[in-house]
Amino acid sequence: MAIQAAVNKAVSYMLAMFEGDKFKNSNDFNRYFVEEFDAFCEVVCDYLNLLSCYIKNPAFAEEEEVRIFYSPTLYIGMDKADIDSTFVEEKDINGYALQPVKFQVRNNQIVSYTDLVFKNFISENIISEIIIGPSSKVTEDDIFYLLLSNEYDANSIRVLKSEATYR
């Protein structure tokens, strides 16, 4: 289903590109599609890459994980207000604070990340359980101390090690 959605979006992209191209050689969409097939491949790969973030192995369903994706639109030639919105300003999203994008080096790569701050909800006990992944080197004590340092009632949050494997 996800692959079909990615292909459909890529075909729609190609159709819009065809309709907007004032310098095309032909009014035959099929010929245009073949000539611009590289663009289709790039777009379908981009959609599949994005969709892969949402796909989860059903074996991990017991984790009841909530995934949050933040993918700001960035491009060369952005104006200063858009850049500041991503790299300087904190954003409020339904009471959560989305921090500006930051960078770290991990495995010899520059990786962008942003923090989502839950401070406004700590008193509401929004976290009831944390399951540590099967290959994580993080311990239950690490999580406990992290929760305490961020003002959570660490004694009221269950911390478990997952028994599932990645295979």
Protein backbone atom coordinates (compact mmCIF):
# COMPACT_ATOMS: atom_id res chain seq x y z
CA MET A 1 0.00 0.00 0.00
CA ALA A 2 2.79 2.44 0.91
CA ILE A 3 4.62 1.72 -2.35
CA GLN A 4 1.44 2.32 -4.35
CA ALA A 5 0.94 5.67 -2.57
CA ALA A 6 4.53 6.70 -3.37
CA VAL A 7 4.12 5.77 -7.04
CA ASN A 8 0.77 7.60 -7.26
CA LYS A 9 2.30 10.75 -5.77
CA ALA A 10 5.27 10.54 -8.14
CA VAL A 11 2.95 10.13 -11.15
CA SER A 12 0.92 13.16 -9.96
CA TYR A 13 4.18 15.09 -9.67
CA MET A 14 5.11 14.09 -13.23
CA LEU A 15 1.68 15.12 -14.52
CA ALA A 16 2.01 18.54 -12.86
CA MET A 17 5.52 18.87 -14.28
CA PHE A 18 4.18 17.95 -17.75
CA GLU A 19 1.35 20.46 -17.55
CA GLY A 20 3.66 23.23 -16.33
CA ASP A 21 6.46 22.63 -18.86
CA LYS A 22 6.13 25.33 -21.51
CA PHE A 23 9.12 23.99 -23.46
CA LYS A 24 8.18 20.31 -23.81
CA ASN A 25 8.82 18.64 -27.17
CA SER A 26 5.48 16.88 -27.35
CA ASN A 27 1.98 16.98 -25.88
CA ASP A 28 2.12 13.20 -25.40
CA PHE A 29 2.37 12.55 -21.64
CA ASN A 30 3.66 8.99 -22.14
CA ARG A 31 6.58 10.21 -24.27
CA TYR A 32 7.26 13.02 -21.80
CA PHE A 33 7.19 10.51 -18.93
CA VAL A 34 9.80 8.34 -20.65
CA GLU A 35 12.00 11.36 -21.43
CA GLU A 36 11.80 12.60 -17.82
CA PHE A 37 11.89 9.17 -16.17
CA ASP A 38 14.89 10.18 -14.04
CA ALA A 39 12.72 12.83 -12.35
CA PHE A 40 10.05 10.21 -11.64
CA CYS A 41 12.65 7.90 -10.06
CA GLU A 42 13.99 10.68 -7.85
CA VAL A 43 10.52 11.65 -6.65
CA VAL A 44 9.36 8.09 -5.99
CA CYS A 45 12.57 7.44 -4.00
CA ASP A 46 12.00 10.60 -1.96
CA TYR A 47 8.43 9.52 -1.13
CA LEU A 48 9.56 5.98 -0.24
CA ASN A 49 12.29 7.39 1.97
CA LEU A 50 9.73 9.50 3.81
CA LEU A 51 7.25 6.62 4.08
CA SER A 52 9.92 4.32 5.49
CA CYS A 53 9.90 6.44 8.64
CA TYR A 54 6.30 5.42 9.29
CA ILE A 55 6.59 1.70 8.67
CA LYS A 56 7.07 -0.51 11.71
CA ASN A 57 7.51 -4.25 12.00
CA PRO A 58 4.28 -5.70 13.51
CA ALA A 59 6.42 -7.69 15.97
CA PHE A 60 6.97 -4.42 17.85
CA ALA A 61 3.26 -3.59 18.20
CA GLU A 62 3.35 -4.26 21.95
CA GLU A 63 5.61 -1.23 22.36
CA GLU A 64 2.70 1.04 21.36
CA GLU A 65 5.34 3.47 20.16
CA VAL A 66 4.39 6.96 19.10
CA ARG A 67 6.54 8.38 16.32
CA ILE A 68 6.85 12.07 15.69
CA PHE A 69 8.34 13.28 12.43
CA TYR A 70 9.53 16.81 11.85
CA SER A 71 10.85 17.57 8.40
CA PRO A 72 11.16 21.30 7.85
CA THR A 73 11.15 22.50 4.27
CA LEU A 74 14.62 23.83 3.58
CA TYR A 75 16.00 25.07 0.27
CA ILE A 76 18.74 27.23 -1.15
CA GLY A 77 17.66 30.87 -1.31
CA MET A 78 15.32 30.77 1.71
CA ASP A 79 14.59 34.18 3.19
CA LYS A 80 15.85 35.05 6.69
CA ALA A 81 12.43 34.69 8.36
CA ASP A 82 12.10 31.09 7.14
CA ILE A 83 15.65 30.28 8.19
CA ASP A 84 15.08 31.77 11.66
CA SER A 85 11.84 29.80 11.96
CA THR A 86 13.84 26.59 11.61
CA PHE A 87 17.20 27.35 13.23
CA VAL A 88 16.55 30.11 15.80
CA GLU A 89 12.95 30.21 17.01
CA GLU A 90 11.18 27.80 19.34
CA LYS A 91 7.78 26.73 17.99
CA ASP A 92 4.72 26.01 20.11
CA ILE A 93 2.72 23.02 18.90
CA ASN A 94 -0.36 22.34 21.06
CA GLY A 95 1.58 23.18 24.24
CA TYR A 96 4.71 21.26 23.25
CA ALA A 97 7.84 23.29 22.57
CA LEU A 98 9.72 22.36 19.39
CA GLN A 99 13.29 23.57 19.76
CA PRO A 100 15.33 24.93 16.82
CA VAL A 101 17.19 22.43 14.65
CA LYS A 102 20.66 21.50 15.97
CA PHE A 103 23.42 19.25 14.68
CA GLN A 104 25.67 16.55 16.08
CA VAL A 105 28.29 14.21 14.65
CA ARG A 106 27.35 10.53 14.81
CA ASN A 107 29.21 7.72 13.03
CA ASN A 108 31.28 10.27 11.09
CA GLN A 109 28.15 11.96 9.73
CA ILE A 110 26.52 15.29 10.52
CA VAL A 111 23.04 14.54 11.82
CA SER A 112 20.33 17.15 12.37
CA TYR A 113 17.89 16.85 15.25
CA THR A 114 15.46 18.90 17.26
CA ASP A 115 14.18 18.51 20.79
CA LEU A 116 10.49 18.33 21.58
CA VAL A 117 10.01 19.67 25.10
CA PHE A 118 7.18 18.24 27.23
CA LYS A 119 7.64 20.53 30.27
CA ASN A 120 4.05 21.82 30.10
CA PHE A 121 2.77 18.25 30.46
CA ILE A 122 5.06 16.78 33.12
CA SER A 123 2.49 17.27 35.85
CA GLU A 124 -0.10 15.41 33.72
CA ASN A 125 1.99 12.22 33.75
CA ILE A 126 1.99 11.96 29.95
CA ILE A 127 4.69 9.29 30.07
CA SER A 128 3.57 6.13 31.83
CA GLU A 129 5.99 3.59 30.36
CA ILE A 130 9.29 3.50 28.49
CA ILE A 131 10.48 0.39 26.67
CA ILE A 132 14.19 0.25 25.87
CA GLY A 133 14.99 -1.33 22.50
CA PRO A 134 16.65 -4.74 22.36
CA SER A 135 20.05 -3.53 21.14
CA SER A 136 20.15 -0.28 23.13
CA LYS A 137 23.08 0.20 25.49
CA VAL A 138 20.94 2.49 27.64
CA THR A 139 20.09 1.00 31.03
CA GLU A 140 16.99 1.32 33.17
CA ASP A 141 19.06 3.42 35.61
CA ASP A 142 20.10 5.76 32.78
CA ILE A 143 16.44 6.38 31.97
CA PHE A 144 15.55 6.79 35.64
CA TYR A 145 18.23 9.46 36.16
CA LEU A 146 17.32 11.20 32.92
CA LEU A 147 13.68 11.41 33.99
CA LEU A 148 14.64 12.77 37.41
CA SER A 149 16.93 15.40 35.87
CA ASN A 150 14.03 16.60 33.71
CA GLU A 151 11.63 16.92 36.66
CA TYR A 152 9.52 13.82 35.94
CA ASP A 153 8.21 11.61 38.74
CA ALA A 154 10.54 8.78 37.73
CA ASN A 155 9.04 6.42 40.30
CA SER A 156 5.67 6.51 38.54
CA ILE A 157 7.06 5.59 35.08
CA ARG A 158 7.67 1.93 34.25
CA VAL A 159 10.96 1.32 32.44
CA LEU A 160 11.29 -2.05 30.68
CA LYS A 161 13.78 -3.73 28.38
CA SER A 162 12.15 -5.02 25.16
CA GLU A 163 12.21 -8.75 24.62
CA ALA A 164 11.66 -8.48 20.87
CA THR A 165 14.58 -8.87 18.48
CA TYR A 166 15.22 -6.95 15.29
CA ARG A 167 15.13 -10.15 13.25
